[in-house]
Amino acid sequence: MSGPKIEHVRKVRMLYKTILRLHRGFPNAAMKELGDGYAKDEFRRHKEADPTQTRIFMDEWTTYAINLSKQLGIKGPKTAKPVGSKMSELHVDSLSEEQIVQLYELYQETIKKPSEAN
């Protein structure tokens, strides 16, 4: 492995671990499990992505981590804003069909009652 490749792998791993640590601050275990599973799947799916996709992927997940850290706050979610944010119509329109299906599946998971989970 060359130097830049090692550095890239280190950055990806650090971002992934940061996201998992942030998920520990979610108000309940079901949200943590859903977030961890989604992040794991997405990072695995983009493991062999081309450089352009990788840059977009890293930018989006970095933005997610920054926004989530602001929403959870230093003392946890009880003292910060509600977790999540609205997507603009323009952003939704830019999603691929696969991403829209994924977004809908995530939405369905978030509205399940605890008895329906798993």
N, C-alpha and C. Protein backbone atom coordinates (compact mmCIF):
# COMPACT_ATOMS: atom_id res chain seq x y z
N MET A 1 0.84 -1.19 0.00
CA MET A 1 0.00 0.00 0.00
C MET A 1 0.88 1.24 0.00
N SER A 2 0.55 2.18 -0.82
CA SER A 2 1.32 3.41 -0.90
C SER A 2 0.88 4.39 0.20
N GLY A 3 1.70 5.42 0.41
CA GLY A 3 1.43 6.40 1.45
C GLY A 3 0.07 7.05 1.38
N PRO A 4 -0.32 7.62 0.21
CA PRO A 4 -1.65 8.26 0.13
C PRO A 4 -2.80 7.29 0.38
N LYS A 5 -2.63 6.04 -0.05
CA LYS A 5 -3.68 5.02 0.15
C LYS A 5 -3.83 4.73 1.64
N ILE A 6 -2.71 4.61 2.34
CA ILE A 6 -2.75 4.36 3.79
C ILE A 6 -3.42 5.53 4.50
N GLU A 7 -3.09 6.73 4.09
CA GLU A 7 -3.69 7.93 4.70
C GLU A 7 -5.20 7.96 4.47
N HIS A 8 -5.62 7.61 3.27
CA HIS A 8 -7.05 7.58 2.95
C HIS A 8 -7.77 6.55 3.82
N VAL A 9 -7.20 5.36 3.93
CA VAL A 9 -7.81 4.30 4.75
C VAL A 9 -7.91 4.77 6.20
N ARG A 10 -6.88 5.45 6.69
CA ARG A 10 -6.90 5.95 8.07
C ARG A 10 -8.03 6.97 8.26
N LYS A 11 -8.21 7.86 7.29
CA LYS A 11 -9.28 8.87 7.38
C LYS A 11 -10.66 8.23 7.36
N VAL A 12 -10.84 7.25 6.47
CA VAL A 12 -12.13 6.56 6.38
C VAL A 12 -12.43 5.85 7.70
N ARG A 13 -11.45 5.14 8.23
CA ARG A 13 -11.63 4.41 9.49
C ARG A 13 -11.95 5.36 10.64
N MET A 14 -11.25 6.50 10.68
CA MET A 14 -11.50 7.48 11.75
C MET A 14 -12.91 8.05 11.65
N LEU A 15 -13.36 8.36 10.44
CA LEU A 15 -14.72 8.88 10.25
C LEU A 15 -15.75 7.84 10.67
N TYR A 16 -15.55 6.60 10.26
CA TYR A 16 -16.47 5.51 10.60
C TYR A 16 -16.57 5.34 12.12
N LYS A 17 -15.43 5.30 12.79
CA LYS A 17 -15.43 5.13 14.25
C LYS A 17 -16.07 6.34 14.94
N THR A 18 -15.85 7.52 14.40
CA THR A 18 -16.47 8.73 14.96
C THR A 18 -17.99 8.64 14.87
N ILE A 19 -18.48 8.19 13.74
CA ILE A 19 -19.93 8.05 13.55
C ILE A 19 -20.50 7.03 14.53
N LEU A 20 -19.83 5.90 14.70
CA LEU A 20 -20.31 4.89 15.65
C LEU A 20 -20.31 5.44 17.07
N ARG A 21 -19.29 6.22 17.43
CA ARG A 21 -19.25 6.83 18.76
C ARG A 21 -20.40 7.82 18.93
N LEU A 22 -20.68 8.60 17.90
CA LEU A 22 -21.79 9.56 17.97
C LEU A 22 -23.12 8.83 18.15
N HIS A 23 -23.27 7.70 17.50
CA HIS A 23 -24.52 6.94 17.62
C HIS A 23 -24.77 6.47 19.05
N ARG A 24 -23.73 6.36 19.86
CA ARG A 24 -23.93 5.98 21.27
C ARG A 24 -24.76 7.02 22.01
N GLY A 25 -24.79 8.25 21.49
CA GLY A 25 -25.55 9.32 22.13
C GLY A 25 -27.01 9.37 21.74
N PHE A 26 -27.45 8.46 20.85
CA PHE A 26 -28.86 8.45 20.46
C PHE A 26 -29.75 8.17 21.67
N PRO A 27 -30.97 8.68 21.66
CA PRO A 27 -31.87 8.54 22.82
C PRO A 27 -32.26 7.09 23.14
N ASN A 28 -32.19 6.19 22.18
CA ASN A 28 -32.55 4.80 22.48
C ASN A 28 -31.71 3.82 21.67
N ALA A 29 -31.68 2.58 22.13
CA ALA A 29 -30.85 1.55 21.51
C ALA A 29 -31.29 1.23 20.08
N ALA A 30 -32.57 1.35 19.80
CA ALA A 30 -33.07 1.04 18.45
C ALA A 30 -32.50 2.01 17.42
N MET A 31 -32.42 3.29 17.79
CA MET A 31 -31.84 4.29 16.87
C MET A 31 -30.36 4.01 16.66
N LYS A 32 -29.66 3.64 17.74
CA LYS A 32 -28.23 3.33 17.63
C LYS A 32 -28.03 2.14 16.70
N GLU A 33 -28.81 1.11 16.90
CA GLU A 33 -28.70 -0.09 16.08
C GLU A 33 -28.97 0.21 14.61
N LEU A 34 -30.01 0.98 14.35
CA LEU A 34 -30.36 1.36 12.98
C LEU A 34 -29.24 2.19 12.35
N GLY A 35 -28.75 3.18 13.08
CA GLY A 35 -27.68 4.04 12.57
C GLY A 35 -26.39 3.28 12.32
N ASP A 36 -26.02 2.42 13.27
CA ASP A 36 -24.80 1.62 13.11
C ASP A 36 -24.90 0.70 11.91
N GLY A 37 -26.04 0.04 11.77
CA GLY A 37 -26.23 -0.89 10.65
C GLY A 37 -26.18 -0.18 9.31
N TYR A 38 -26.81 0.97 9.24
CA TYR A 38 -26.83 1.73 7.99
C TYR A 38 -25.42 2.21 7.64
N ALA A 39 -24.71 2.76 8.63
CA ALA A 39 -23.35 3.25 8.37
C ALA A 39 -22.45 2.10 7.94
N LYS A 40 -22.53 0.99 8.63
CA LYS A 40 -21.71 -0.18 8.29
C LYS A 40 -21.97 -0.62 6.85
N ASP A 41 -23.23 -0.70 6.48
CA ASP A 41 -23.60 -1.12 5.13
C ASP A 41 -23.08 -0.13 4.08
N GLU A 42 -23.25 1.16 4.34
CA GLU A 42 -22.82 2.18 3.37
C GLU A 42 -21.30 2.21 3.22
N PHE A 43 -20.57 2.12 4.33
CA PHE A 43 -19.11 2.13 4.24
C PHE A 43 -18.62 0.88 3.51
N ARG A 44 -19.23 -0.24 3.78
CA ARG A 44 -18.85 -1.48 3.09
C ARG A 44 -19.16 -1.37 1.60
N ARG A 45 -20.32 -0.83 1.27
CA ARG A 45 -20.76 -0.71 -0.12
C ARG A 45 -19.85 0.21 -0.93
N HIS A 46 -19.27 1.21 -0.30
CA HIS A 46 -18.42 2.17 -1.02
C HIS A 46 -16.93 1.87 -0.90
N LYS A 47 -16.61 0.69 -0.42
CA LYS A 47 -15.20 0.32 -0.21
C LYS A 47 -14.38 0.40 -1.50
N GLU A 48 -14.97 0.02 -2.62
CA GLU A 48 -14.26 0.00 -3.90
C GLU A 48 -14.74 1.10 -4.85
N ALA A 49 -15.27 2.17 -4.32
CA ALA A 49 -15.80 3.26 -5.15
C ALA A 49 -14.66 4.01 -5.85
N ASP A 50 -15.00 4.65 -6.96
CA ASP A 50 -13.99 5.44 -7.67
C ASP A 50 -13.71 6.73 -6.88
N PRO A 51 -12.59 7.40 -7.18
CA PRO A 51 -12.20 8.59 -6.40
C PRO A 51 -13.26 9.69 -6.32
N THR A 52 -14.00 9.92 -7.39
CA THR A 52 -15.04 10.96 -7.37
C THR A 52 -16.15 10.59 -6.40
N GLN A 53 -16.62 9.35 -6.48
CA GLN A 53 -17.66 8.88 -5.56
C GLN A 53 -17.15 8.89 -4.12
N THR A 54 -15.90 8.50 -3.94
CA THR A 54 -15.32 8.46 -2.61
C THR A 54 -15.28 9.85 -1.98
N ARG A 55 -14.90 10.85 -2.76
CA ARG A 55 -14.84 12.22 -2.24
C ARG A 55 -16.24 12.69 -1.81
N ILE A 56 -17.23 12.44 -2.65
CA ILE A 56 -18.62 12.82 -2.31
C ILE A 56 -19.07 12.07 -1.07
N PHE A 57 -18.80 10.77 -1.02
CA PHE A 57 -19.17 9.92 0.11
C PHE A 57 -18.57 10.46 1.41
N MET A 58 -17.27 10.74 1.39
CA MET A 58 -16.60 11.24 2.59
C MET A 58 -17.14 12.61 3.00
N ASP A 59 -17.39 13.48 2.04
CA ASP A 59 -17.95 14.81 2.35
C ASP A 59 -19.32 14.69 3.01
N GLU A 60 -20.18 13.85 2.44
CA GLU A 60 -21.54 13.69 2.98
C GLU A 60 -21.52 13.09 4.39
N TRP A 61 -20.70 12.06 4.60
CA TRP A 61 -20.65 11.43 5.92
C TRP A 61 -19.97 12.35 6.95
N THR A 62 -19.02 13.16 6.51
CA THR A 62 -18.41 14.13 7.42
C THR A 62 -19.45 15.17 7.83
N THR A 63 -20.24 15.64 6.88
CA THR A 63 -21.31 16.59 7.18
C THR A 63 -22.31 15.97 8.15
N TYR A 64 -22.65 14.70 7.93
CA TYR A 64 -23.56 13.99 8.83
C TYR A 64 -22.98 13.96 10.25
N ALA A 65 -21.70 13.61 10.37
CA ALA A 65 -21.07 13.53 11.69
C ALA A 65 -21.06 14.89 12.38
N ILE A 66 -20.76 15.93 11.65
CA ILE A 66 -20.74 17.28 12.23
C ILE A 66 -22.14 17.69 12.68
N ASN A 67 -23.13 17.48 11.83
CA ASN A 67 -24.51 17.83 12.19
C ASN A 67 -25.01 17.02 13.37
N LEU A 68 -24.70 15.73 13.39
CA LEU A 68 -25.14 14.89 14.50
C LEU A 68 -24.48 15.32 15.80
N SER A 69 -23.20 15.66 15.75
CA SER A 69 -22.53 16.10 16.98
C SER A 69 -23.15 17.40 17.51
N LYS A 70 -23.56 18.29 16.61
CA LYS A 70 -24.24 19.52 17.03
C LYS A 70 -25.61 19.21 17.63
N GLN A 71 -26.33 18.27 17.02
CA GLN A 71 -27.68 17.94 17.48
C GLN A 71 -27.66 17.22 18.82
N LEU A 72 -26.67 16.35 19.02
CA LEU A 72 -26.62 15.60 20.28
C LEU A 72 -26.11 16.46 21.42
N GLY A 73 -25.29 17.43 21.13
CA GLY A 73 -24.79 18.33 22.15
C GLY A 73 -23.76 17.66 23.05
N ILE A 74 -23.10 18.45 23.84
CA ILE A 74 -22.05 17.95 24.73
C ILE A 74 -22.63 17.09 25.84
N LYS A 75 -23.78 17.46 26.36
CA LYS A 75 -24.37 16.74 27.48
C LYS A 75 -25.40 15.71 27.04
N GLY A 76 -25.47 15.42 25.77
CA GLY A 76 -26.41 14.41 25.28
C GLY A 76 -27.64 15.03 24.67
N PRO A 77 -28.50 14.18 24.09
CA PRO A 77 -29.64 14.65 23.32
C PRO A 77 -30.70 15.40 24.11
N LYS A 78 -30.74 15.24 25.43
CA LYS A 78 -31.80 15.91 26.20
C LYS A 78 -31.59 17.42 26.25
N THR A 79 -30.36 17.87 26.06
CA THR A 79 -30.09 19.30 26.14
C THR A 79 -29.90 19.93 24.76
N ALA A 80 -29.99 19.15 23.72
CA ALA A 80 -29.77 19.66 22.36
C ALA A 80 -31.06 19.61 21.55
N LYS A 81 -30.95 20.02 20.28
CA LYS A 81 -32.10 19.99 19.37
C LYS A 81 -32.49 18.54 19.09
N PRO A 82 -33.70 18.34 18.55
CA PRO A 82 -34.09 16.99 18.14
C PRO A 82 -33.11 16.46 17.09
N VAL A 83 -32.91 15.15 17.09
CA VAL A 83 -31.99 14.52 16.15
C VAL A 83 -32.64 14.43 14.78
N GLY A 84 -31.91 14.83 13.75
CA GLY A 84 -32.40 14.74 12.38
C GLY A 84 -32.56 16.12 11.77
N SER A 85 -32.79 16.13 10.48
CA SER A 85 -33.01 17.40 9.78
C SER A 85 -33.85 17.15 8.54
N LYS A 86 -34.50 18.20 8.08
CA LYS A 86 -35.33 18.10 6.88
C LYS A 86 -34.43 18.18 5.65
N MET A 87 -34.85 17.44 4.60
CA MET A 87 -34.13 17.50 3.33
C MET A 87 -34.86 18.46 2.41
N SER A 88 -34.10 19.26 1.71
CA SER A 88 -34.73 20.18 0.77
C SER A 88 -35.28 19.40 -0.42
N GLU A 89 -36.25 19.98 -1.08
CA GLU A 89 -36.84 19.35 -2.26
C GLU A 89 -35.77 19.15 -3.33
N LEU A 90 -34.88 20.12 -3.45
CA LEU A 90 -33.79 20.03 -4.43
C LEU A 90 -32.88 18.83 -4.14
N HIS A 91 -32.58 18.63 -2.85
CA HIS A 91 -31.74 17.50 -2.46
C HIS A 91 -32.44 16.17 -2.76
N VAL A 92 -33.72 16.08 -2.43
CA VAL A 92 -34.48 14.85 -2.70
C VAL A 92 -34.52 14.58 -4.20
N ASP A 93 -34.72 15.63 -5.00
CA ASP A 93 -34.77 15.47 -6.46
C ASP A 93 -33.45 14.97 -7.03
N SER A 94 -32.35 15.24 -6.34
CA SER A 94 -31.03 14.83 -6.84
C SER A 94 -30.69 13.38 -6.49
N LEU A 95 -31.52 12.72 -5.67
CA LEU A 95 -31.25 11.34 -5.27
C LEU A 95 -31.58 10.37 -6.40
N SER A 96 -30.81 9.28 -6.44
CA SER A 96 -31.11 8.22 -7.41
C SER A 96 -32.32 7.43 -6.92
N GLU A 97 -32.87 6.60 -7.79
CA GLU A 97 -34.02 5.78 -7.40
C GLU A 97 -33.65 4.86 -6.24
N GLU A 98 -32.45 4.29 -6.30
CA GLU A 98 -31.99 3.40 -5.23
C GLU A 98 -31.89 4.15 -3.90
N GLN A 99 -31.40 5.38 -3.93
CA GLN A 99 -31.28 6.18 -2.72
C GLN A 99 -32.65 6.55 -2.15
N ILE A 100 -33.62 6.80 -3.02
CA ILE A 100 -34.97 7.12 -2.57
C ILE A 100 -35.59 5.91 -1.88
N VAL A 101 -35.38 4.73 -2.45
CA VAL A 101 -35.89 3.49 -1.83
C VAL A 101 -35.23 3.31 -0.46
N GLN A 102 -33.93 3.52 -0.39
CA GLN A 102 -33.19 3.40 0.86
C GLN A 102 -33.71 4.39 1.90
N LEU A 103 -33.94 5.61 1.48
CA LEU A 103 -34.46 6.64 2.37
C LEU A 103 -35.83 6.25 2.91
N TYR A 104 -36.68 5.72 2.04
CA TYR A 104 -38.01 5.29 2.46
C TYR A 104 -37.92 4.14 3.45
N GLU A 105 -37.01 3.19 3.21
CA GLU A 105 -36.84 2.06 4.13
C GLU A 105 -36.35 2.55 5.49
N LEU A 106 -35.45 3.52 5.50
CA LEU A 106 -35.00 4.10 6.77
C LEU A 106 -36.15 4.79 7.49
N TYR A 107 -36.95 5.51 6.74
CA TYR A 107 -38.12 6.18 7.32
C TYR A 107 -39.05 5.15 7.96
N GLN A 108 -39.31 4.06 7.25
CA GLN A 108 -40.19 3.01 7.78
C GLN A 108 -39.64 2.44 9.08
N GLU A 109 -38.32 2.27 9.16
CA GLU A 109 -37.70 1.76 10.39
C GLU A 109 -37.87 2.74 11.54
N THR A 110 -37.80 4.02 11.26
CA THR A 110 -37.88 5.01 12.33
C THR A 110 -39.28 5.17 12.89
N ILE A 111 -40.31 4.80 12.13
CA ILE A 111 -41.68 4.97 12.63
C ILE A 111 -42.26 3.69 13.21
N LYS A 112 -41.48 2.61 13.20
CA LYS A 112 -41.95 1.35 13.79
C LYS A 112 -42.14 1.52 15.29
N LYS A 113 -43.14 0.85 15.81
CA LYS A 113 -43.33 0.82 17.25
C LYS A 113 -42.30 -0.16 17.82
N PRO A 114 -41.90 0.02 19.08
CA PRO A 114 -40.89 -0.88 19.67
C PRO A 114 -41.26 -2.36 19.54
N SER A 115 -42.54 -2.68 19.62
CA SER A 115 -42.96 -4.09 19.52
C SER A 115 -42.77 -4.65 18.11
N GLU A 116 -42.71 -3.77 17.09
CA GLU A 116 -42.54 -4.21 15.70
C GLU A 116 -41.07 -4.34 15.32
N ALA A 117 -40.18 -3.71 16.08
CA ALA A 117 -38.76 -3.73 15.74
C ALA A 117 -38.22 -5.15 15.86
N ASN A 118 -37.30 -5.48 14.92
CA ASN A 118 -36.66 -6.80 14.85
C ASN A 118 -37.66 -7.81 14.56
